[in-house]
């Protein structure tokens, strides 16, 4: 049996995927789901920084802000779905724990290496061509429909992890208990965003399909099969459109083929948030914040930490009404993140006045 440590910087996902399918026990499945929680958590802060940095002073800025907002809420729903997958088989999500959180800048957790860029570094910064490229590499499917550079080697990827999780659920479907499930209606954010109880294999198959296809699309189409509005693309292709500066267009029916040959998309304007250094702004002598900036950073870090604590508590509750209260608290803390973030993005860095501060998303332990 393979066991993996609960540590963001470990190669836990790689080792889990190397375990032969016939040895993937219930313990293996719980470990894999906790690693998936770490993955979902790692994507949210970079996307939030990009979204909040956008200036909606042009049509392309407004469109990009809407698109990234949709993706952020999809990713939050994915986190909830994975937590429900873990608790339905008797596990307990670890969320409010520094060891499971991304120490930006860093790779993806567990040794995940996207096929398009195995050396991907995930960081916190404003929306730029580089950051949009990073976002699309995070979401990239194994075989993109409109991306022509493929790696010859097969790497441990997000898609491979979820495929392995689904296969393990099929083996261990008798362990699905429907315990400690959190429900939340969020259809206004998209067809796949509402959290619902996982009480059968069919439920597990449904949520894993939602997670994979909202992010990657399918083997046949780049469209999001679970959209908020008609014609919405999966996350990978949304980011590629912004990066390429062109709408994705179907250029051939048989066999189907797409390329970025549609209408031009001017790159949106954004606040020039700098890249957060390892360990936070204060950890670099050139970017030590003054008292005003430090106060806003502290507000954001506390709100982030309280959000994580509330989320973890939600999935500890046996009674749905208790879970609802903690989930509501988490949502309130999430909205409290934006104010400090926007104030920070107006504060110049001392070593580079053309760049700005931004949120750190650092975990603050309770006293």
Protein backbone atom coordinates (compact mmCIF):
# COMPACT_ATOMS: atom_id res chain seq x y z
CA UNK A 1 0.00 0.00 0.00
CA UNK A 2 1.30 3.46 -0.90
CA UNK A 3 1.03 6.18 1.72
CA UNK A 4 2.00 9.78 1.09
CA UNK A 5 2.86 12.56 3.49
CA UNK A 6 0.59 15.56 3.74
CA UNK A 7 3.08 18.04 2.34
CA UNK A 8 2.62 20.34 -0.64
CA UNK A 9 6.24 19.99 -1.73
CA UNK A 10 6.25 16.17 -1.73
CA UNK A 11 5.91 14.04 -4.85
CA UNK A 12 2.79 12.42 -3.41
CA UNK A 13 0.72 12.48 -6.61
CA UNK A 14 3.53 10.95 -8.64
CA UNK A 15 3.88 8.10 -6.15
CA UNK A 16 0.13 7.57 -5.98
CA UNK A 17 -0.11 7.30 -9.75
CA UNK A 18 2.77 4.83 -9.82
CA UNK A 19 0.85 2.48 -7.54
CA UNK A 20 -0.51 -0.42 -9.62
CA UNK A 21 -4.32 -0.15 -9.98
CA UNK A 22 -4.89 -3.44 -8.16
CA UNK A 23 -3.10 -1.99 -5.10
CA UNK A 24 -5.13 1.23 -4.92
CA UNK A 25 -6.86 0.72 -1.60
CA UNK A 26 -9.42 2.87 0.19
CA UNK A 27 -6.50 4.55 1.96
CA UNK A 28 -4.96 5.25 -1.46
CA UNK A 29 -8.21 6.89 -2.58
CA UNK A 30 -8.36 9.12 0.51
CA UNK A 31 -4.75 10.19 -0.04
CA UNK A 32 -5.44 10.93 -3.72
CA UNK A 33 -8.46 13.08 -2.86
CA UNK A 34 -6.46 15.07 -0.30
CA UNK A 35 -3.84 15.69 -2.98
CA UNK A 36 -6.64 16.86 -5.30
CA UNK A 37 -7.78 19.30 -2.60
CA UNK A 38 -4.23 20.70 -2.53
CA UNK A 39 -4.34 21.11 -6.31
CA UNK A 40 -7.66 22.95 -6.27
CA UNK A 41 -6.47 25.23 -3.46
CA UNK A 42 -3.26 26.03 -5.34
CA UNK A 43 -5.05 27.43 -8.40
CA UNK A 44 -7.35 29.88 -6.64
CA UNK A 45 -4.93 32.60 -5.41
CA UNK A 46 -3.18 33.05 -8.81
CA UNK A 47 -6.53 33.31 -10.60
CA UNK A 48 -7.86 35.76 -8.01
CA UNK A 49 -4.79 37.98 -8.41
CA UNK A 50 -5.30 38.03 -12.17
CA UNK A 51 -9.02 38.77 -11.88
CA UNK A 52 -8.66 41.55 -9.31
CA UNK A 53 -5.80 43.20 -11.20
CA UNK A 54 -7.92 43.66 -14.34
CA UNK A 55 -8.98 47.17 -15.31
CA UNK A 56 -12.42 47.00 -16.83
CA UNK A 57 -11.86 50.13 -18.93
CA UNK A 58 -12.27 48.36 -22.28
CA UNK A 59 -14.60 45.76 -23.74
CA UNK A 60 -11.79 43.19 -23.66
CA UNK A 61 -11.11 44.02 -19.99
CA UNK A 62 -14.76 43.55 -19.08
CA UNK A 63 -14.95 40.29 -21.02
CA UNK A 64 -11.75 38.94 -19.43
CA UNK A 65 -12.98 39.88 -15.96
CA UNK A 66 -16.28 38.06 -16.55
CA UNK A 67 -14.50 35.01 -17.92
CA UNK A 68 -11.98 34.73 -15.09
CA UNK A 69 -14.68 35.34 -12.48
CA UNK A 70 -16.56 32.34 -13.90
CA UNK A 71 -13.41 30.22 -13.70
CA UNK A 72 -12.76 31.27 -10.09
CA UNK A 73 -16.24 30.18 -9.04
CA UNK A 74 -15.87 26.93 -10.99
CA UNK A 75 -12.64 26.20 -9.13
CA UNK A 76 -14.27 26.94 -5.79
CA UNK A 77 -17.02 24.49 -6.68
CA UNK A 78 -14.41 21.91 -7.68
CA UNK A 79 -12.84 22.23 -4.23
CA UNK A 80 -16.24 21.61 -2.66
CA UNK A 81 -16.94 18.62 -4.90
CA UNK A 82 -13.60 17.02 -3.96
CA UNK A 83 -14.27 17.57 -0.25
CA UNK A 84 -17.63 15.82 -0.66
CA UNK A 85 -15.88 12.95 -2.47
CA UNK A 86 -13.50 12.57 0.47
CA UNK A 87 -16.05 12.75 3.28
CA UNK A 88 -18.45 10.32 1.56
CA UNK A 89 -15.80 7.59 1.98
CA UNK A 90 -15.04 8.52 5.59
CA UNK A 91 -12.16 10.95 5.08
CA UNK A 92 -11.62 14.42 6.51
CA UNK A 93 -10.33 17.27 4.32
CA UNK A 94 -7.24 19.12 5.51
CA UNK A 95 -7.55 22.72 4.32
CA UNK A 96 -6.49 25.07 7.13
CA UNK A 97 -2.96 23.74 7.35
CA UNK A 98 0.14 25.53 6.08
CA UNK A 99 1.67 22.23 4.92
CA UNK A 100 -1.03 21.74 2.27
CA UNK A 101 -0.88 25.31 0.91
CA UNK A 102 1.22 26.53 -1.99
CA UNK A 103 4.43 28.38 -0.94
CA UNK A 104 4.33 30.65 -4.01
CA UNK A 105 6.23 30.78 -6.29
CA UNK A 106 6.32 27.00 -6.58
CA UNK A 107 5.42 24.05 -8.81
CA UNK A 108 2.02 22.42 -8.64
CA UNK A 109 1.70 20.08 -5.63
CA UNK A 110 2.49 16.40 -5.45
CA UNK A 111 4.93 16.40 -8.36
CA UNK A 112 2.26 17.30 -10.94
CA UNK A 113 3.95 18.42 -14.15
CA UNK A 114 1.74 19.69 -16.99
CA UNK A 115 2.59 18.06 -20.33
CA UNK A 116 2.94 21.42 -22.11
CA UNK A 117 5.44 22.81 -19.57
CA UNK A 118 6.81 20.29 -17.08
CA UNK A 119 8.83 23.05 -15.38
CA UNK A 120 5.80 25.24 -14.67
CA UNK A 121 6.16 27.68 -11.76
CA UNK A 122 2.93 28.91 -10.18
CA UNK A 123 3.14 32.44 -8.79
CA UNK A 124 1.07 35.37 -7.58
CA UNK A 125 1.03 38.44 -9.80
CA UNK A 126 -1.16 40.65 -11.94
CA UNK A 127 -2.66 39.67 -15.28
CA UNK A 128 0.06 39.64 -17.93
CA UNK A 129 0.83 37.52 -20.96
CA UNK A 130 3.09 35.42 -18.77
CA UNK A 131 0.47 34.84 -16.08
CA UNK A 132 -2.22 33.92 -18.62
CA UNK A 133 0.23 31.42 -20.14
CA UNK A 134 0.72 29.99 -16.65
CA UNK A 135 -3.05 29.68 -16.11
CA UNK A 136 -3.54 27.82 -19.37
CA UNK A 137 -0.68 25.44 -18.58
CA UNK A 138 -2.32 24.60 -15.25
CA UNK A 139 -5.58 23.73 -17.01
CA UNK A 140 -4.09 22.05 -20.09
CA UNK A 141 -5.57 18.67 -21.12
CA UNK A 142 -3.31 15.80 -22.11
CA UNK A 143 -4.11 16.40 -25.79
CA UNK A 144 -5.37 19.97 -26.40
CA UNK A 145 -7.60 20.41 -29.44
CA UNK A 146 -6.01 23.73 -30.38
CA UNK A 147 -2.43 23.57 -29.16
CA UNK A 148 0.24 22.08 -31.34
CA UNK A 149 3.28 21.68 -29.09
CA UNK A 150 3.07 18.32 -27.30
CA UNK A 151 5.54 16.78 -24.91
CA UNK A 152 6.72 13.30 -25.82
CA UNK A 153 6.99 12.17 -22.21
CA UNK A 154 3.91 11.43 -20.09
CA UNK A 155 3.85 13.37 -16.82
CA UNK A 156 1.70 13.17 -13.71
CA UNK A 157 -1.03 15.70 -14.52
CA UNK A 158 -4.29 16.93 -13.02
CA UNK A 159 -6.32 15.02 -15.60
CA UNK A 160 -4.46 11.76 -14.93
CA UNK A 161 -5.02 12.13 -11.19
CA UNK A 162 -8.79 12.57 -11.57
CA UNK A 163 -9.00 9.65 -14.00
CA UNK A 164 -7.22 7.45 -11.44
CA UNK A 165 -9.53 8.69 -8.66
CA UNK A 166 -12.60 7.75 -10.70
CA UNK A 167 -11.21 4.29 -11.42
CA UNK A 168 -10.59 3.79 -7.69
CA UNK A 169 -14.16 4.88 -6.87
CA UNK A 170 -15.44 2.19 -9.22
CA UNK A 171 -13.45 -0.39 -7.28
CA UNK A 172 -14.47 0.96 -3.85
CA UNK A 173 -18.02 2.06 -4.59
CA UNK A 174 -19.24 0.04 -1.62
CA UNK A 175 -17.43 2.53 0.65
CA UNK A 176 -19.60 5.46 -0.48
CA UNK A 177 -21.55 6.40 2.65
CA UNK A 178 -23.00 9.83 1.92
CA UNK A 179 -21.59 11.18 5.20
CA UNK A 180 -20.80 14.82 6.02
CA UNK A 181 -21.94 16.16 2.68
CA UNK A 182 -22.15 19.91 2.10
CA UNK A 183 -24.82 21.16 -0.29
CA UNK A 184 -25.10 24.58 -1.88
CA UNK A 185 -27.19 25.74 -4.82
CA UNK A 186 -24.96 27.68 -7.22
CA UNK A 187 -26.65 27.08 -10.56
CA UNK A 188 -26.37 30.83 -11.27
CA UNK A 189 -22.61 30.28 -11.60
CA UNK A 190 -22.93 27.33 -13.98
CA UNK A 191 -24.61 23.97 -14.49
CA UNK A 192 -21.91 22.04 -12.64
CA UNK A 193 -21.35 24.42 -9.75
CA UNK A 194 -23.98 23.36 -7.23
CA UNK A 195 -22.65 21.15 -4.46
CA UNK A 196 -24.75 18.03 -4.01
CA UNK A 197 -24.42 14.89 -1.87
CA UNK A 198 -22.24 12.07 -3.19
CA UNK A 199 -24.27 9.01 -2.27
CA UNK A 200 -23.59 6.70 -5.21
CA UNK A 201 -20.98 5.84 -7.82
CA UNK A 202 -23.06 7.76 -10.37
CA UNK A 203 -22.72 10.90 -8.22
CA UNK A 204 -18.95 10.44 -8.00
CA UNK A 205 -18.71 9.93 -11.75
CA UNK A 206 -20.76 13.07 -12.34
CA UNK A 207 -18.64 15.40 -10.21
CA UNK A 208 -15.34 14.09 -11.55
CA UNK A 209 -16.64 14.60 -15.09
CA UNK A 210 -17.63 18.17 -14.17
CA UNK A 211 -14.19 18.92 -12.70
CA UNK A 212 -12.29 17.54 -15.69
CA UNK A 213 -14.48 18.91 -18.48
CA UNK A 214 -15.00 22.40 -17.07
CA UNK A 215 -11.23 22.77 -16.92
CA UNK A 216 -10.04 20.83 -19.96
CA UNK A 217 -13.02 20.47 -22.29
CA UNK A 218 -13.60 17.07 -23.87
CA UNK A 219 -11.81 15.03 -26.50
CA UNK A 220 -14.33 16.30 -29.08
CA UNK A 221 -14.98 19.94 -28.24
CA UNK A 222 -13.40 22.90 -26.41
CA UNK A 223 -16.83 23.94 -25.10
CA UNK A 224 -17.60 23.76 -21.39
CA UNK A 225 -20.28 21.05 -21.10
CA UNK A 226 -21.44 22.62 -17.82
CA UNK A 227 -21.59 26.35 -18.66
CA UNK A 228 -22.99 29.36 -16.92
CA UNK A 229 -23.99 30.83 -20.29
CA UNK A 230 -24.35 29.25 -23.71
CA UNK A 231 -21.14 29.03 -25.71
CA UNK A 232 -18.83 29.19 -22.70
CA UNK A 233 -15.45 27.55 -23.31
CA UNK A 234 -13.60 25.31 -20.89
CA UNK A 235 -10.99 27.04 -18.76
CA UNK A 236 -7.96 26.07 -20.83
CA UNK A 237 -9.41 27.54 -24.02
CA UNK A 238 -10.60 30.72 -22.28
CA UNK A 239 -7.04 31.39 -21.18
CA UNK A 240 -5.63 30.50 -24.60
CA UNK A 241 -7.96 32.99 -26.28
CA UNK A 242 -6.77 35.77 -23.99
CA UNK A 243 -3.13 34.78 -24.54
CA UNK A 244 -3.39 34.36 -28.32
CA UNK A 245 -5.49 37.50 -28.77
CA UNK A 246 -7.99 35.73 -31.02
CA UNK A 247 -11.29 33.94 -30.62
CA UNK A 248 -11.19 30.19 -31.03
CA UNK A 249 -12.92 29.17 -34.24
CA UNK A 250 -13.95 25.83 -35.72
CA UNK A 251 -12.11 25.69 -39.04
CA UNK A 252 -12.96 22.16 -40.12
CA UNK A 253 -15.98 19.91 -39.61
CA UNK A 254 -14.61 16.46 -40.48
CA UNK A 255 -12.59 15.69 -38.55
CA UNK A 256 -13.41 18.59 -36.23
CA UNK A 257 -10.60 21.11 -35.92
CA UNK A 258 -10.28 24.43 -34.10
CA UNK A 259 -7.75 27.23 -34.26
CA UNK A 260 -7.38 30.81 -32.98
CA UNK A 261 -8.52 32.41 -36.22
CA UNK A 262 -11.62 34.22 -34.96
CA UNK A 263 -12.14 37.88 -34.10
CA UNK A 264 -9.21 39.71 -32.48
CA UNK A 265 -9.19 40.10 -28.69
CA UNK A 266 -7.05 43.06 -27.52
CA UNK A 267 -5.07 42.13 -24.43
CA UNK A 268 -6.81 43.77 -21.43
CA UNK A 269 -5.27 46.47 -19.27
CA UNK A 270 -4.39 45.51 -15.71
CA UNK A 271 -2.92 46.95 -12.53
CA UNK A 272 0.82 46.22 -12.59
CA UNK A 273 0.99 43.92 -9.55
CA UNK A 274 4.50 42.56 -9.10
CA UNK A 275 5.35 38.92 -8.47
CA UNK A 276 5.13 38.03 -4.76
CA UNK A 277 8.55 36.80 -3.57
CA UNK A 278 9.02 33.49 -1.78
CA UNK A 279 7.83 33.87 1.79
CA UNK A 280 5.95 37.11 1.12
CA UNK A 281 6.85 40.72 0.37
CA UNK A 282 8.68 41.21 3.68
CA UNK A 283 10.99 38.31 2.87
CA UNK A 284 12.72 40.30 0.13
CA UNK A 285 14.79 43.30 1.34
CA UNK A 286 13.77 45.22 -1.78
CA UNK A 287 10.02 44.88 -1.19
CA UNK A 288 9.60 45.19 2.59
CA UNK A 289 6.18 46.86 3.04
CA UNK A 290 5.64 50.00 5.07
CA UNK A 291 3.08 50.07 7.90
CA UNK A 292 0.18 50.95 5.57
CA UNK A 293 0.88 48.14 3.15
CA UNK A 294 1.59 45.72 6.00
CA UNK A 295 -1.82 46.46 7.50
CA UNK A 296 -3.60 45.58 4.25
CA UNK A 297 -1.48 42.46 3.79
CA UNK A 298 -2.39 41.35 7.30
CA UNK A 299 -6.09 41.92 6.64
CA UNK A 300 -5.93 39.81 3.51
CA UNK A 301 -3.92 37.03 5.12
CA UNK A 302 -6.28 36.85 8.09
CA UNK A 303 -9.36 36.74 5.82
CA UNK A 304 -7.75 33.99 3.72
CA UNK A 305 -6.88 31.96 6.81
CA UNK A 306 -10.34 32.36 8.33
CA UNK A 307 -11.88 31.28 5.02
CA UNK A 308 -9.80 28.09 5.07
CA UNK A 309 -10.69 27.37 8.69
CA UNK A 310 -14.39 27.83 7.98
CA UNK A 311 -14.21 25.54 4.95
CA UNK A 312 -12.48 22.82 6.94
CA UNK A 313 -15.08 23.10 9.69
CA UNK A 314 -17.93 22.84 7.18
CA UNK A 315 -16.83 19.34 6.18
CA UNK A 316 -16.49 18.22 9.79
CA UNK A 317 -20.19 18.67 10.54
CA UNK A 318 -22.69 15.83 10.74
CA UNK A 319 -25.69 18.16 10.58
CA UNK A 320 -26.28 20.00 7.27
CA UNK A 321 -27.43 23.16 9.04
CA UNK A 322 -24.13 23.37 10.92
CA UNK A 323 -22.20 22.88 7.69
CA UNK A 324 -24.25 25.64 6.07
CA UNK A 325 -23.24 28.10 8.79
CA UNK A 326 -19.54 27.42 8.33
CA UNK A 327 -19.82 27.55 4.54
CA UNK A 328 -21.59 30.92 4.83
CA UNK A 329 -18.75 32.17 7.03
CA UNK A 330 -16.21 30.99 4.45
CA UNK A 331 -18.00 32.88 1.68
CA UNK A 332 -18.02 36.06 3.81
CA UNK A 333 -14.28 35.76 4.42
CA UNK A 334 -13.71 35.18 0.71
CA UNK A 335 -15.45 38.45 -0.17
CA UNK A 336 -13.41 40.20 2.52
CA UNK A 337 -10.24 39.36 0.59
CA UNK A 338 -10.95 41.70 -2.30
CA UNK A 339 -10.85 45.08 -0.52
CA UNK A 340 -7.30 44.75 0.84
CA UNK A 341 -6.16 43.25 -2.46
CA UNK A 342 -7.34 46.24 -4.48
CA UNK A 343 -5.78 48.70 -2.03
CA UNK A 344 -2.47 46.86 -2.26
CA UNK A 345 -2.57 46.97 -6.05
CA UNK A 346 -2.50 50.78 -5.82
CA UNK A 347 0.61 50.82 -3.61
CA UNK A 348 3.97 51.09 -5.48
CA UNK A 349 6.81 48.73 -4.62
CA UNK A 350 9.75 50.60 -3.02
CA UNK A 351 12.29 49.10 -5.43
CA UNK A 352 10.14 49.48 -8.55
CA UNK A 353 7.47 52.24 -8.45
CA UNK A 354 6.07 51.01 -11.76
CA UNK A 355 5.00 47.81 -9.98
CA UNK A 356 2.49 47.39 -7.18
CA UNK A 357 1.95 45.22 -4.14
CA UNK A 358 -0.73 42.56 -4.11
CA UNK A 359 -2.13 39.89 -1.78
CA UNK A 360 0.20 37.19 -0.42
CA UNK A 361 -2.36 34.50 0.53
CA UNK A 362 -0.25 33.46 3.51
CA UNK A 363 -1.73 31.27 6.22
CA UNK A 364 -1.95 32.79 9.69
CA UNK A 365 -2.26 30.29 12.54
CA UNK A 366 -4.63 31.08 15.37
CA UNK A 367 -2.93 32.33 18.56
